[in-house]
Amino acid sequence: MRVWLPYPDAVERMGGVPDGVEVDVYDGSGAPPASIGEVELYVLPYLGGLAPARLMSAMPSLRVAQTLTAGVDGVRPLVPDGVTLCNARGVHDASTAELAVALVLASLRGVPDFVRDAEHGWWDGRRRSSLADRTVLIVGYGSVGAAVERRLAGFECHVRRVARSARDGVEPFGALHGLLPGADVVVLTVPMTDRTRGMVDAAFLAAMPDGALLVNVSRGPVVRTDALLAEVTSGRLHAALDVTDPEPLPPGHPLWSSPGVLISPHVGGNTTAFLSRAMTLVAEQLRRDVEGRPLLNVITDEY
């Protein structure tokens, strides 16, 4: 079986590959390997854009496409019929959850203001908001949402959970607008689907209480940027965004200078924890494929 991996040291990091597996390396740059007609399992380069995904149309033997991202909204339309698409659910949970909590704390405690004030030698000791005793609403309670909650456990806050389907302790999306007025912090960890695109609109934001914080570590288009700009420009809401729409956020975009907005450049999953966890997943997928066992993280319907 022919497999394409995105890193020269991938096999070493995986501890080897099963017998009968032949490996080529393609990192998404330059000409693809000559084995493009033979590759059966393709691990797409991380953050390589859509160009490597478009190559799938020229892979007649392709059976499995494995992303190293949890989100597959850009890749999914490019997957040929009959090819199984798997995502990297679980690989980025810890890193994304770390950033989500960091954004919450930085925004509530005024860390961006401290950095700006330090440049001018200003001392501003006014009272700031605490995470303790606040209500945090996690919207999209999957593996990342659960990881966020685990990291909030020591902060003495109250956590509410919303997901596509109701289950014990988790309420359905239909209950969302009834929960928003009681949420001091709303953390978005939903996947990008037709259902979630633009779900954070003017009505969603209007239901949040004055002074609340919106944190987005999912995908930029989940939030309607014009609606968010109206709320943060007025000072009624605050936002911490690892993802934006458009993205990358261009210089001069009003979000950069909006009051109460903290922006990080879509770095939720891109940490030192990524590579080892990604290669562990790929190694397991290869073993399963060779042994004829079900693959992990197969994308069906809307995730």
Protein backbone atom coordinates (compact mmCIF):
# COMPACT_ATOMS: atom_id res chain seq x y z
CA MET A 1 0.00 0.00 0.00
CA ARG A 2 1.30 3.44 -0.92
CA VAL A 3 0.94 6.22 1.68
CA TRP A 4 1.81 9.91 1.51
CA LEU A 5 2.99 11.54 4.74
CA PRO A 6 3.72 15.27 5.16
CA TYR A 7 6.96 15.17 7.19
CA PRO A 8 10.39 13.62 6.43
CA ASP A 9 10.65 12.27 9.99
CA ALA A 10 7.04 11.05 10.15
CA VAL A 11 7.92 7.35 9.98
CA GLU A 12 10.47 7.75 12.76
CA ARG A 13 7.99 9.64 14.92
CA MET A 14 5.41 6.92 14.30
CA GLY A 15 7.82 4.19 15.36
CA GLY A 16 7.77 2.66 11.91
CA VAL A 17 4.96 1.57 9.61
CA PRO A 18 3.27 -1.81 9.11
CA ASP A 19 4.80 -4.33 6.72
CA GLY A 20 3.77 -3.77 3.15
CA VAL A 21 3.36 0.01 3.52
CA GLU A 22 5.43 2.16 1.16
CA VAL A 23 5.85 5.83 2.13
CA ASP A 24 6.42 8.97 0.10
CA VAL A 25 6.77 12.42 1.65
CA TYR A 26 4.77 15.36 0.36
CA ASP A 27 4.65 18.56 2.42
CA GLY A 28 2.38 20.43 0.03
CA SER A 29 5.11 22.39 -1.74
CA GLY A 30 6.70 21.73 -5.10
CA ALA A 31 5.86 18.94 -7.47
CA PRO A 32 4.01 15.96 -5.97
CA PRO A 33 5.68 12.54 -5.86
CA ALA A 34 5.58 10.41 -9.00
CA SER A 35 3.44 7.86 -7.13
CA ILE A 36 0.36 10.09 -7.34
CA GLY A 37 -1.45 7.36 -9.29
CA GLU A 38 -0.70 4.74 -6.61
CA VAL A 39 -1.31 6.51 -3.30
CA GLU A 40 -4.12 4.92 -1.30
CA LEU A 41 -3.91 6.83 1.99
CA TYR A 42 -3.05 10.52 1.89
CA VAL A 43 -2.22 12.49 5.04
CA LEU A 44 -2.78 16.09 4.02
CA PRO A 45 -0.15 18.65 5.09
CA TYR A 46 -1.10 20.66 8.14
CA LEU A 47 -1.95 24.29 7.34
CA GLY A 48 -1.00 23.66 3.73
CA GLY A 49 -4.01 25.41 2.26
CA LEU A 50 -6.33 23.84 -0.28
CA ALA A 51 -3.80 23.23 -3.06
CA PRO A 52 -2.66 19.85 -1.61
CA ALA A 53 -6.30 18.82 -1.19
CA ARG A 54 -7.04 19.58 -4.84
CA LEU A 55 -4.49 16.91 -5.81
CA MET A 56 -6.93 14.25 -4.64
CA SER A 57 -8.78 14.54 -7.95
CA ALA A 58 -5.63 13.16 -9.65
CA MET A 59 -5.32 10.14 -7.32
CA PRO A 60 -7.22 7.26 -8.93
CA SER A 61 -6.20 4.76 -6.22
CA LEU A 62 -7.03 6.98 -3.25
CA ARG A 63 -9.19 5.34 -0.57
CA VAL A 64 -8.54 7.42 2.56
CA ALA A 65 -7.81 11.12 3.10
CA GLN A 66 -6.60 11.99 6.59
CA THR A 67 -6.47 15.62 7.67
CA LEU A 68 -4.35 16.88 10.54
CA THR A 69 -6.99 19.45 11.41
CA ALA A 70 -10.23 18.92 13.29
CA GLY A 71 -12.10 21.17 10.87
CA VAL A 72 -12.61 19.86 7.34
CA ASP A 73 -14.99 22.48 5.94
CA GLY A 74 -12.55 23.52 3.19
CA VAL A 75 -11.27 20.05 2.34
CA ARG A 76 -14.56 18.17 2.36
CA PRO A 77 -15.91 19.46 -0.96
CA LEU A 78 -12.66 18.37 -2.65
CA VAL A 79 -12.82 14.73 -1.55
CA PRO A 80 -13.64 12.46 -4.51
CA ASP A 81 -16.65 10.18 -4.37
CA GLY A 82 -15.89 6.91 -2.65
CA VAL A 83 -12.95 8.27 -0.64
CA THR A 84 -13.19 8.12 3.15
CA LEU A 85 -12.37 11.40 4.90
CA CYS A 86 -11.03 11.33 8.46
CA ASN A 87 -10.22 14.34 10.60
CA ALA A 88 -7.84 14.88 13.52
CA ARG A 89 -10.43 14.95 16.28
CA GLY A 90 -8.59 14.83 19.59
CA VAL A 91 -5.19 15.94 18.30
CA HIS A 92 -5.77 19.64 18.98
CA ASP A 93 -8.05 19.41 22.00
CA ALA A 94 -5.46 20.26 24.65
CA SER A 95 -3.82 23.10 22.74
CA THR A 96 -7.08 24.70 21.65
CA ALA A 97 -8.54 24.43 25.13
CA GLU A 98 -5.42 26.00 26.61
CA LEU A 99 -5.76 28.97 24.30
CA ALA A 100 -9.49 29.32 24.94
CA VAL A 101 -8.91 29.58 28.68
CA ALA A 102 -5.93 31.90 28.13
CA LEU A 103 -8.10 34.22 26.02
CA VAL A 104 -10.83 34.20 28.65
CA LEU A 105 -8.44 35.08 31.46
CA ALA A 106 -6.50 37.65 29.46
CA SER A 107 -9.68 39.42 28.38
CA LEU A 108 -11.38 39.41 31.77
CA ARG A 109 -8.30 40.50 33.71
CA GLY A 110 -7.24 43.16 31.19
CA VAL A 111 -3.89 41.71 30.11
CA PRO A 112 -3.96 43.43 26.68
CA ASP A 113 -4.42 46.77 28.46
CA PHE A 114 -1.48 46.02 30.73
CA VAL A 115 0.76 45.36 27.72
CA ARG A 116 -0.32 48.58 26.01
CA ASP A 117 0.03 50.60 29.22
CA ALA A 118 3.54 49.24 29.81
CA GLU A 119 4.67 50.77 26.52
CA HIS A 120 3.85 54.20 27.93
CA GLY A 121 4.67 53.61 31.59
CA TRP A 122 1.05 53.99 32.66
CA TRP A 123 -0.15 52.48 35.93
CA ASP A 124 -3.85 51.61 35.86
CA GLY A 125 -4.94 49.62 38.90
CA ARG A 126 -8.70 49.72 38.40
CA ARG A 127 -10.83 46.71 39.30
CA ARG A 128 -11.17 44.02 36.64
CA SER A 129 -13.52 41.11 36.10
CA SER A 130 -12.83 37.70 37.61
CA LEU A 131 -13.54 34.29 36.14
CA ALA A 132 -14.53 33.05 39.59
CA ASP A 133 -18.30 33.01 40.19
CA ARG A 134 -18.99 33.66 36.49
CA THR A 135 -21.09 31.49 34.18
CA VAL A 136 -19.31 30.10 31.12
CA LEU A 137 -21.44 28.73 28.29
CA ILE A 138 -19.61 26.29 26.01
CA VAL A 139 -21.32 26.21 22.62
CA GLY A 140 -20.41 23.03 20.73
CA TYR A 141 -19.71 20.54 23.48
CA GLY A 142 -17.57 18.01 21.65
CA SER A 143 -14.03 16.91 22.45
CA VAL A 144 -12.62 20.47 22.40
CA GLY A 145 -15.51 21.80 24.49
CA ALA A 146 -15.00 19.04 27.04
CA ALA A 147 -11.28 19.85 27.14
CA VAL A 148 -12.12 23.50 27.81
CA GLU A 149 -14.34 22.50 30.72
CA ARG A 150 -11.62 20.31 32.23
CA ARG A 151 -9.28 23.29 32.24
CA LEU A 152 -11.90 25.54 33.80
CA ALA A 153 -12.43 23.12 36.69
CA GLY A 154 -10.10 24.95 39.07
CA PHE A 155 -11.39 28.46 38.41
CA GLU A 156 -14.55 28.27 40.52
CA CYS A 157 -16.84 29.22 37.66
CA HIS A 158 -20.16 27.73 36.57
CA VAL A 159 -20.20 25.85 33.25
CA ARG A 160 -23.19 25.28 30.98
CA ARG A 161 -23.00 23.13 27.86
CA VAL A 162 -24.79 23.19 24.50
CA ALA A 163 -24.39 20.76 21.59
CA ARG A 164 -26.23 19.67 18.47
CA SER A 165 -27.92 16.85 20.40
CA ALA A 166 -29.06 16.85 24.02
CA ARG A 167 -27.54 14.37 26.46
CA ASP A 168 -26.95 14.18 30.18
CA GLY A 169 -25.73 17.61 31.30
CA VAL A 170 -25.71 19.00 27.75
CA GLU A 171 -28.57 20.99 26.27
CA PRO A 172 -29.48 21.12 22.57
CA PHE A 173 -28.91 24.07 20.27
CA GLY A 174 -32.63 24.76 20.51
CA ALA A 175 -32.12 25.87 24.12
CA LEU A 176 -29.28 28.23 23.25
CA HIS A 177 -31.14 31.54 23.18
CA GLY A 178 -32.63 30.81 26.57
CA LEU A 179 -29.16 30.24 28.03
CA LEU A 180 -27.38 33.24 26.53
CA PRO A 181 -28.84 35.89 28.87
CA GLY A 182 -27.26 34.11 31.83
CA ALA A 183 -23.81 33.66 30.30
CA ASP A 184 -20.96 35.96 31.31
CA VAL A 185 -18.60 34.16 28.91
CA VAL A 186 -19.59 32.31 25.72
CA VAL A 187 -16.94 29.99 24.26
CA LEU A 188 -17.50 28.78 20.69
CA THR A 189 -16.08 25.33 19.92
CA VAL A 190 -18.51 24.27 17.18
CA PRO A 191 -17.39 22.69 13.89
CA MET A 192 -17.92 24.69 10.70
CA THR A 193 -21.06 23.35 9.02
CA ASP A 194 -23.98 24.80 7.11
CA ARG A 195 -25.88 24.87 10.39
CA THR A 196 -23.22 26.75 12.34
CA ARG A 197 -22.21 29.23 9.63
CA GLY A 198 -23.35 32.65 10.82
CA MET A 199 -25.08 31.23 13.90
CA VAL A 200 -23.63 34.04 16.02
CA ASP A 201 -25.69 36.78 14.44
CA ALA A 202 -27.24 40.01 15.72
CA ALA A 203 -29.98 38.14 17.58
CA PHE A 204 -27.48 35.78 19.24
CA LEU A 205 -25.30 38.67 20.38
CA ALA A 206 -28.27 40.76 21.52
CA ALA A 207 -29.27 37.92 23.84
CA MET A 208 -25.92 38.07 25.64
CA PRO A 209 -25.91 40.31 28.73
CA ASP A 210 -24.12 43.66 28.88
CA GLY A 211 -20.40 43.24 29.47
CA ALA A 212 -20.30 39.59 28.38
CA LEU A 213 -17.32 38.09 26.58
CA LEU A 214 -17.49 36.09 23.33
CA VAL A 215 -14.55 33.72 22.72
CA ASN A 216 -14.22 32.06 19.31
CA VAL A 217 -11.76 29.20 18.87
CA SER A 218 -13.83 27.41 16.21
CA ARG A 219 -14.03 29.05 12.76
CA GLY A 220 -14.38 32.69 11.78
CA PRO A 221 -17.56 32.39 9.69
CA VAL A 222 -19.46 31.03 12.70
CA VAL A 223 -19.69 34.70 13.76
CA ARG A 224 -21.18 37.42 11.60
CA THR A 225 -18.42 40.00 11.72
CA ASP A 226 -20.64 43.01 11.05
CA ALA A 227 -22.94 42.07 13.92
CA LEU A 228 -20.00 41.57 16.28
CA LEU A 229 -18.45 44.87 15.24
CA ALA A 230 -21.66 46.69 16.13
CA GLU A 231 -21.65 45.23 19.64
CA VAL A 232 -17.96 45.68 20.46
CA THR A 233 -17.79 49.16 18.94
CA SER A 234 -20.60 50.25 21.25
CA GLY A 235 -18.70 48.74 24.18
CA ARG A 236 -21.62 46.53 25.20
CA LEU A 237 -19.78 43.24 24.53
CA HIS A 238 -16.17 42.11 24.47
CA ALA A 239 -14.55 39.48 22.25
CA ALA A 240 -11.49 37.26 22.13
CA LEU A 241 -10.96 35.73 18.70
CA ASP A 242 -8.49 33.13 17.54
CA VAL A 243 -10.38 32.98 14.24
CA THR A 244 -11.94 35.74 12.18
CA ASP A 245 -13.91 36.34 9.01
CA PRO A 246 -12.10 37.31 6.83
CA GLU A 247 -8.94 35.41 7.68
CA PRO A 248 -6.16 36.33 7.82
CA LEU A 249 -7.57 39.59 9.15
CA PRO A 250 -6.19 42.30 6.82
CA PRO A 251 -4.36 45.37 8.11
CA GLY A 252 -6.73 48.22 8.78
CA HIS A 253 -9.73 45.98 9.44
CA PRO A 254 -11.89 47.60 12.15
CA LEU A 255 -11.67 44.52 14.40
CA TRP A 256 -7.99 45.30 15.03
CA SER A 257 -8.83 48.62 16.66
CA SER A 258 -12.19 47.79 18.22
CA PRO A 259 -12.34 48.32 21.98
CA GLY A 260 -12.41 45.22 24.12
CA VAL A 261 -11.29 42.89 21.32
CA LEU A 262 -8.33 40.51 21.71
CA ILE A 263 -7.14 38.72 18.56
CA SER A 264 -4.75 35.80 18.16
CA PRO A 265 -3.79 34.61 14.64
CA HIS A 266 -5.52 31.19 14.48
CA VAL A 267 -2.93 29.43 16.60
CA GLY A 268 -5.23 27.34 18.77
CA GLY A 269 -3.89 23.98 17.65
CA ASN A 270 -0.43 24.90 16.42
CA THR A 271 1.74 24.17 19.46
CA THR A 272 4.55 21.85 20.48
CA ALA A 273 1.92 19.28 21.49
CA PHE A 274 0.67 18.93 17.91
CA LEU A 275 3.19 16.79 16.05
CA SER A 276 3.53 13.86 18.43
CA ARG A 277 -0.26 13.60 18.83
CA ALA A 278 -0.80 13.88 15.09
CA MET A 279 1.68 11.12 14.31
CA THR A 280 0.16 8.90 17.00
CA LEU A 281 -3.19 9.25 15.26
CA VAL A 282 -1.72 8.55 11.80
CA ALA A 283 0.12 5.47 13.09
CA GLU A 284 -3.11 4.11 14.53
CA GLN A 285 -4.99 4.80 11.30
CA LEU A 286 -2.36 2.93 9.28
CA ARG A 287 -2.55 -0.08 11.59
CA ARG A 288 -6.32 -0.11 11.39
CA ASP A 289 -6.34 0.20 7.62
CA VAL A 290 -3.80 -2.58 7.10
CA GLU A 291 -5.67 -4.86 9.54
CA GLY A 292 -9.07 -4.10 8.03
CA ARG A 293 -10.42 -2.50 11.22
CA PRO A 294 -12.68 0.59 11.24
CA LEU A 295 -10.84 3.90 10.95
CA LEU A 296 -11.08 6.64 13.56
CA ASN A 297 -12.75 10.01 13.08
CA VAL A 298 -14.58 9.16 9.87
CA ILE A 299 -16.57 12.19 8.71
CA THR A 300 -20.21 11.49 8.06
CA ASP A 301 -23.10 13.91 7.61
CA GLU A 302 -22.26 17.12 9.56
CA TYR A 303 -19.50 15.51 11.75
